[in-house]
Amino acid sequence: MSFAKAQELLKLAMMATRRSGVSLEEIIEEFGCVHRSAQRMTVALETAFPQAQTDDGDDRKRRWRIPARAIAPLLTPSAEELAALTTAINELDAEGMKPEAGTLRQLERKIRALIPPEAGTRLSVDEEALLEALGHAARPGPRPAASGEVDAAIAEALKGPFLLRISYRRRRQDKPSERVLAPHGLLLGVRRYLVARDTAKKPGSPLQHYRVEEIHSAEVLEQSFELDPNFSIRSHAEKGFGSYESATEYGDVIWRFSPEAAPHARRFVFHPTQTIEEEPDGSLLVRFKASGHLEMCWHLYSWGKSVEVLQPAKLREMIQGYQRTFAALP
């Protein structure tokens, strides 16, 4: 058996350890093979793992199941997988998501505890080399300060979902005031925003954004609430260029990058909804819909005079006179 086939067989065995097992249709979808090939794979699975069991469900589909303990000795993680896990933990820490980083760190400890001693030393050496090459600990740049207690309360409230009592100070307030919120999601970026509904406002009122670093304290209440069934944090996030979103600013955005900057700009994803268009002179048009003019200004400044704002007019006015020629592009 080739190495690739062995990898596929192990992957299939892992699928078979699920409570629902694995069906021929799922094998075809996962491996992109035809029905006959999927059948051959199940024969190989039964040969390699005598513990495999089959049964026909109510949907008349045959499923293959293997006890997880049967393949546990074969599932020692690779150095690449351990390095990716460590990198993910550090990224969460850098984003101020301490509760999520802590949960993933607990998972990492469990995984490492299951690694056979004879493989642990070799993996540690390989993982250290990978992490050094990835520069996992070197993420420069300023970021807002975070409160572990506030972050933990937000995470707990989002999981409920539970109402959240916060002490919050707006920019023009001298002292923070108390609010009870129904949290719906968290936006990450230069700043972090809690997307929530103020329970003191009328039912059906629009969701608002609360800067996490301006939440001085937070308490999870026992009372639960119904999430807005039409709300999607992913769709909501796409309304903004960064982490800020404003209904009054939302609209078409068109930037033109100079022929010299076009090859570099082509490698950027400025927004999930963007489209690009090549112009005869070699310049590049980038179009998308979003809000957050101030965050756009911060980013556009780094491109200097190599970018021109065609729309919206307000954004074009905001950057006028502030563009410079820099020695390098972002």
Protein backbone atom coordinates (compact mmCIF):
# COMPACT_ATOMS: atom_id res chain seq x y z
CA MET A 1 0.00 0.00 0.00
CA SER A 2 1.32 3.43 -0.91
CA PHE A 3 1.86 6.13 1.70
CA ALA A 4 -0.99 8.21 0.25
CA LYS A 5 -3.37 5.24 0.40
CA ALA A 6 -2.33 4.59 4.00
CA GLN A 7 -3.10 8.20 4.88
CA GLU A 8 -6.53 7.93 3.25
CA LEU A 9 -7.25 4.72 5.15
CA LEU A 10 -6.32 6.34 8.46
CA LYS A 11 -8.50 9.34 7.62
CA LEU A 12 -11.40 6.99 6.83
CA ALA A 13 -10.84 5.15 10.13
CA MET A 14 -11.03 8.46 11.99
CA MET A 15 -14.33 9.23 10.23
CA ALA A 16 -15.64 5.82 11.28
CA THR A 17 -15.04 6.60 14.97
CA ARG A 18 -17.81 9.20 14.89
CA ARG A 19 -20.97 8.26 16.73
CA SER A 20 -22.89 8.12 13.46
CA GLY A 21 -20.11 6.17 11.72
CA VAL A 22 -19.45 6.74 8.02
CA SER A 23 -21.53 5.87 4.95
CA LEU A 24 -20.58 5.27 1.32
CA GLU A 25 -22.11 8.61 0.37
CA GLU A 26 -19.95 10.43 2.92
CA ILE A 27 -16.84 8.62 1.66
CA ILE A 28 -17.61 9.66 -1.92
CA GLU A 29 -18.09 13.28 -0.85
CA GLU A 30 -14.99 13.43 1.37
CA PHE A 31 -12.54 11.72 -1.00
CA GLY A 32 -14.08 12.77 -4.32
CA CYS A 33 -14.22 9.18 -5.58
CA VAL A 34 -16.79 7.05 -7.39
CA HIS A 35 -19.11 4.53 -5.73
CA ARG A 36 -16.95 1.54 -6.64
CA SER A 37 -13.83 3.12 -5.16
CA ALA A 38 -15.72 3.90 -1.96
CA GLN A 39 -16.71 0.25 -1.70
CA ARG A 40 -13.08 -0.83 -2.10
CA MET A 41 -12.11 1.58 0.69
CA THR A 42 -14.62 0.01 3.09
CA VAL A 43 -13.20 -3.45 2.28
CA ALA A 44 -9.71 -2.14 3.10
CA LEU A 45 -11.08 -0.61 6.30
CA GLU A 46 -12.57 -3.94 7.43
CA THR A 47 -9.32 -5.74 6.60
CA ALA A 48 -7.08 -3.30 8.47
CA PHE A 49 -9.45 -2.91 11.43
CA PRO A 50 -11.22 -6.16 12.36
CA GLN A 51 -13.06 -4.21 15.08
CA ALA A 52 -15.09 -2.43 12.37
CA GLN A 53 -18.83 -2.98 12.61
CA THR A 54 -21.57 -2.34 10.07
CA ASP A 55 -25.27 -1.70 10.43
CA ASP A 56 -28.10 -0.44 8.28
CA GLY A 57 -29.89 2.63 9.62
CA ASP A 58 -33.49 3.73 9.30
CA ASP A 59 -32.49 5.59 6.14
CA ARG A 60 -31.38 2.22 4.65
CA LYS A 61 -27.81 3.44 4.43
CA ARG A 62 -25.04 1.12 5.61
CA ARG A 63 -22.60 2.67 8.04
CA TRP A 64 -19.20 1.55 9.25
CA ARG A 65 -18.14 2.18 12.85
CA ILE A 66 -14.85 1.64 14.67
CA PRO A 67 -14.27 2.06 18.44
CA ALA A 68 -12.03 5.10 18.97
CA ARG A 69 -9.67 3.06 21.17
CA ALA A 70 -8.85 0.87 18.16
CA ILE A 71 -7.04 3.66 16.33
CA ALA A 72 -5.89 5.79 19.28
CA PRO A 73 -2.26 4.48 19.09
CA LEU A 74 -2.11 5.63 15.45
CA LEU A 75 -3.19 9.20 16.14
CA THR A 76 -0.02 10.72 17.54
CA PRO A 77 -0.10 14.37 16.36
CA SER A 78 2.57 15.64 14.00
CA ALA A 79 4.98 18.47 14.76
CA GLU A 80 3.12 20.58 12.18
CA GLU A 81 -0.20 20.02 13.97
CA LEU A 82 1.27 20.88 17.38
CA ALA A 83 2.91 24.01 15.97
CA ALA A 84 -0.38 25.08 14.38
CA LEU A 85 -2.14 24.60 17.73
CA THR A 86 0.45 26.71 19.55
CA THR A 87 0.23 29.40 16.87
CA ALA A 88 -3.57 29.49 17.20
CA ILE A 89 -3.27 29.95 20.97
CA ASN A 90 -0.86 32.84 20.53
CA GLU A 91 -3.11 34.45 17.91
CA LEU A 92 -6.07 34.29 20.28
CA ASP A 93 -3.94 35.79 23.05
CA ALA A 94 -2.84 38.59 20.72
CA GLU A 95 -6.47 39.33 19.80
CA GLY A 96 -7.36 39.62 23.48
CA MET A 97 -9.53 36.48 23.43
CA LYS A 98 -8.16 35.14 26.72
CA PRO A 99 -10.98 32.69 27.55
CA GLU A 100 -10.78 31.04 24.12
CA ALA A 101 -6.98 30.91 24.35
CA GLY A 102 -7.27 29.31 27.81
CA THR A 103 -9.70 26.66 26.55
CA LEU A 104 -7.44 25.81 23.62
CA ARG A 105 -4.45 25.69 25.97
CA GLN A 106 -6.29 23.08 28.08
CA LEU A 107 -6.92 21.04 24.93
CA GLU A 108 -3.22 21.30 24.07
CA ARG A 109 -2.25 19.91 27.49
CA LYS A 110 -4.62 16.95 27.04
CA ILE A 111 -3.22 16.20 23.59
CA ARG A 112 0.38 16.36 24.80
CA ALA A 113 -0.43 14.09 27.74
CA LEU A 114 -1.58 11.39 25.31
CA ILE A 115 1.61 11.45 23.22
CA PRO A 116 3.73 8.30 23.78
CA PRO A 117 6.98 9.15 25.63
CA GLU A 118 9.16 7.68 22.88
CA ALA A 119 7.65 10.14 20.35
CA GLY A 120 7.52 13.16 22.62
CA THR A 121 11.19 14.17 22.44
CA ARG A 122 11.40 14.01 18.63
CA LEU A 123 8.16 15.94 18.23
CA SER A 124 9.32 18.65 20.64
CA VAL A 125 12.50 19.23 18.64
CA ASP A 126 10.63 19.41 15.32
CA GLU A 127 7.90 21.62 16.77
CA GLU A 128 10.42 24.06 18.24
CA ALA A 129 12.13 24.41 14.87
CA LEU A 130 8.81 25.05 13.13
CA LEU A 131 7.67 27.64 15.66
CA GLU A 132 10.97 29.46 15.44
CA ALA A 133 10.62 29.59 11.66
CA LEU A 134 7.01 30.77 11.90
CA GLY A 135 7.94 33.53 14.33
CA HIS A 136 4.87 32.65 16.39
CA ALA A 137 5.83 34.87 19.30
CA ALA A 138 6.80 37.89 17.22
CA ARG A 139 3.61 39.78 16.47
CA PRO A 140 4.51 43.45 16.78
CA GLY A 141 2.17 46.39 16.81
CA PRO A 142 -0.05 48.17 19.32
CA ARG A 143 -3.34 46.73 20.49
CA PRO A 144 -5.94 47.82 23.06
CA ALA A 145 -5.45 46.65 26.63
CA ALA A 146 -7.67 43.78 27.70
CA SER A 147 -9.31 42.80 30.98
CA GLY A 148 -9.34 39.08 31.67
CA GLU A 149 -12.43 39.36 33.89
CA VAL A 150 -14.40 41.30 31.26
CA ASP A 151 -13.33 38.92 28.47
CA ALA A 152 -14.34 35.89 30.52
CA ALA A 153 -17.76 37.40 31.28
CA ILE A 154 -18.38 38.21 27.60
CA ALA A 155 -17.41 34.67 26.56
CA GLU A 156 -19.75 33.16 29.17
CA ALA A 157 -22.64 35.42 28.16
CA LEU A 158 -22.23 34.61 24.46
CA LYS A 159 -22.27 30.88 25.16
CA GLY A 160 -25.56 31.08 27.09
CA PRO A 161 -26.77 33.29 25.72
CA PHE A 162 -27.19 35.23 28.96
CA LEU A 163 -27.83 38.89 29.64
CA LEU A 164 -24.73 40.87 30.56
CA ARG A 165 -24.61 43.77 33.01
CA ILE A 166 -21.73 46.12 32.17
CA SER A 167 -20.26 49.37 33.37
CA TYR A 168 -19.52 51.26 30.17
CA ARG A 169 -18.07 54.67 29.35
CA ARG A 170 -18.70 56.33 26.01
CA ARG A 171 -16.10 58.69 24.58
CA ARG A 172 -17.89 61.83 25.75
CA GLN A 173 -18.79 60.51 29.19
CA ASP A 174 -16.76 61.41 32.26
CA LYS A 175 -17.95 58.42 34.24
CA PRO A 176 -19.14 54.97 33.16
CA SER A 177 -22.84 54.09 33.36
CA GLU A 178 -24.53 50.74 33.93
CA ARG A 179 -26.30 48.89 31.11
CA VAL A 180 -27.86 45.46 30.69
CA LEU A 181 -27.13 44.00 27.27
CA ALA A 182 -28.24 41.05 25.17
CA PRO A 183 -24.91 40.12 23.48
CA HIS A 184 -25.06 38.71 19.93
CA GLY A 185 -21.41 38.59 18.85
CA LEU A 186 -17.90 40.00 18.97
CA LEU A 187 -16.08 41.88 16.20
CA LEU A 188 -12.27 41.67 16.13
CA GLY A 189 -9.95 44.20 14.54
CA VAL A 190 -7.90 47.25 15.51
CA ARG A 191 -10.49 47.55 18.24
CA ARG A 192 -12.88 44.91 19.56
CA TYR A 193 -16.59 45.62 19.58
CA LEU A 194 -19.31 43.73 21.43
CA VAL A 195 -22.43 43.60 19.25
CA ALA A 196 -25.42 43.72 21.57
CA ARG A 197 -28.91 45.06 22.16
CA ASP A 198 -29.54 47.41 25.10
CA THR A 199 -32.46 45.90 27.01
CA ALA A 200 -33.52 49.36 28.18
CA LYS A 201 -34.43 50.30 24.62
CA LYS A 202 -37.64 49.38 22.81
CA PRO A 203 -38.02 45.78 21.53
CA GLY A 204 -36.76 45.49 17.96
CA SER A 205 -34.28 48.35 18.36
CA PRO A 206 -31.11 47.96 16.27
CA LEU A 207 -28.02 46.26 17.64
CA GLN A 208 -25.27 48.56 18.89
CA HIS A 209 -21.49 48.32 19.17
CA TYR A 210 -19.67 48.61 22.50
CA ARG A 211 -15.89 49.02 22.57
CA VAL A 212 -14.59 46.20 24.77
CA GLU A 213 -11.73 48.25 26.22
CA GLU A 214 -14.29 50.78 27.52
CA ILE A 215 -16.19 48.10 29.46
CA HIS A 216 -14.90 48.65 33.00
CA SER A 217 -16.69 45.68 34.53
CA ALA A 218 -19.04 42.93 33.38
CA GLU A 219 -21.34 40.51 35.20
CA VAL A 220 -23.15 37.56 33.63
CA LEU A 221 -26.79 37.43 34.73
CA GLU A 222 -28.83 34.25 35.16
CA GLN A 223 -31.50 35.47 32.75
CA SER A 224 -31.30 34.09 29.22
CA PHE A 225 -32.77 35.65 26.07
CA GLU A 226 -33.72 34.84 22.49
CA LEU A 227 -31.12 35.71 19.85
CA ASP A 228 -32.34 37.61 16.81
CA PRO A 229 -33.04 34.74 14.33
CA ASN A 230 -32.09 36.97 11.39
CA PHE A 231 -28.73 37.98 12.85
CA SER A 232 -25.48 36.55 11.48
CA ILE A 233 -22.18 37.80 12.92
CA ARG A 234 -20.44 36.98 9.64
CA SER A 235 -22.89 39.00 7.54
CA HIS A 236 -22.82 41.80 10.12
CA ALA A 237 -19.02 41.91 10.05
CA GLU A 238 -19.01 42.27 6.26
CA LYS A 239 -20.83 45.60 6.59
CA GLY A 240 -17.66 47.14 7.98
CA PHE A 241 -14.18 47.62 6.53
CA GLY A 242 -12.67 46.82 9.91
CA SER A 243 -14.39 46.23 13.23
CA TYR A 244 -16.51 49.42 13.06
CA GLU A 245 -19.88 49.42 11.28
CA SER A 246 -22.19 52.34 10.55
CA ALA A 247 -25.46 52.18 8.62
CA THR A 248 -25.11 55.83 7.58
CA GLU A 249 -21.70 55.24 5.99
CA TYR A 250 -22.46 51.90 4.36
CA GLY A 251 -22.24 52.00 0.56
CA ASP A 252 -20.13 51.50 -2.54
CA VAL A 253 -16.35 51.88 -2.21
CA ILE A 254 -14.07 52.13 -5.25
CA TRP A 255 -10.28 52.50 -5.04
CA ARG A 256 -7.86 52.80 -7.96
CA PHE A 257 -4.31 51.60 -7.41
CA SER A 258 -1.56 52.93 -9.68
CA PRO A 259 0.08 50.64 -12.28
CA GLU A 260 3.18 50.46 -10.06
CA ALA A 261 1.17 49.43 -6.98
CA ALA A 262 -1.34 47.19 -8.80
CA PRO A 263 0.71 43.94 -8.60
CA HIS A 264 1.09 44.42 -4.86
CA ALA A 265 -2.56 45.40 -4.30
CA ARG A 266 -3.72 42.38 -6.29
CA ARG A 267 -2.34 40.15 -3.51
CA PHE A 268 -4.51 41.85 -0.88
CA VAL A 269 -8.04 40.98 0.18
CA PHE A 270 -9.32 44.37 1.30
CA HIS A 271 -12.85 43.13 1.96
CA PRO A 272 -14.70 39.79 1.62
CA THR A 273 -17.12 41.26 -0.96
CA GLN A 274 -14.47 42.87 -3.17
CA THR A 275 -14.19 42.57 -6.94
CA ILE A 276 -11.18 43.70 -8.95
CA GLU A 277 -10.92 45.10 -12.45
CA GLU A 278 -7.83 45.62 -14.59
CA GLU A 279 -7.63 48.93 -16.46
CA PRO A 280 -5.88 49.43 -19.83
CA ASP A 281 -3.07 51.50 -18.29
CA GLY A 282 -2.24 48.72 -15.78
CA SER A 283 -3.98 50.26 -12.79
CA LEU A 284 -6.31 48.20 -10.62
CA LEU A 285 -9.86 49.02 -9.54
CA VAL A 286 -11.06 47.47 -6.27
CA ARG A 287 -14.80 47.61 -5.51
CA PHE A 288 -16.73 46.53 -2.41
CA LYS A 289 -19.53 47.63 -0.09
CA ALA A 290 -18.69 48.60 3.48
CA SER A 291 -18.71 51.32 6.13
CA GLY A 292 -16.06 52.59 8.50
CA HIS A 293 -14.48 55.56 6.71
CA LEU A 294 -12.02 56.31 9.51
CA GLU A 295 -10.59 52.77 9.47
CA MET A 296 -10.35 53.00 5.67
CA CYS A 297 -8.37 56.24 6.08
CA TRP A 298 -5.94 54.58 8.46
CA HIS A 299 -5.30 51.83 5.91
CA LEU A 300 -5.22 54.06 2.85
CA TYR A 301 -2.59 56.29 4.44
CA SER A 302 -0.12 53.38 4.35
CA TRP A 303 -0.51 53.20 0.54
CA GLY A 304 0.49 56.85 0.17
CA LYS A 305 -0.07 58.41 -3.25
CA SER A 306 -0.31 55.03 -4.97
CA VAL A 307 -4.08 54.83 -4.38
CA GLU A 308 -6.92 57.10 -5.44
CA VAL A 309 -10.40 57.06 -3.88
CA LEU A 310 -13.13 57.25 -6.52
CA GLN A 311 -16.02 56.54 -4.15
CA PRO A 312 -17.38 57.58 -1.72
CA ALA A 313 -16.84 61.31 -2.03
CA LYS A 314 -16.73 61.78 1.74
CA LEU A 315 -13.83 59.33 2.04
CA ARG A 316 -12.00 61.08 -0.80
CA GLU A 317 -12.32 64.38 1.09
CA MET A 318 -11.08 62.80 4.32
CA ILE A 319 -7.75 61.67 2.82
CA GLN A 320 -7.18 64.74 0.63
CA GLY A 321 -3.94 66.45 1.59
CA TYR A 322 -2.74 63.62 3.83
CA GLN A 323 -1.28 61.25 1.23
CA ARG A 324 2.48 60.93 1.03
CA THR A 325 5.03 59.09 -1.10
CA PHE A 326 6.55 56.25 0.93
CA ALA A 327 9.62 54.14 0.24
CA ALA A 328 7.64 50.90 0.52
CA LEU A 329 4.09 49.64 0.18
CA PRO A 330 2.20 47.86 3.00
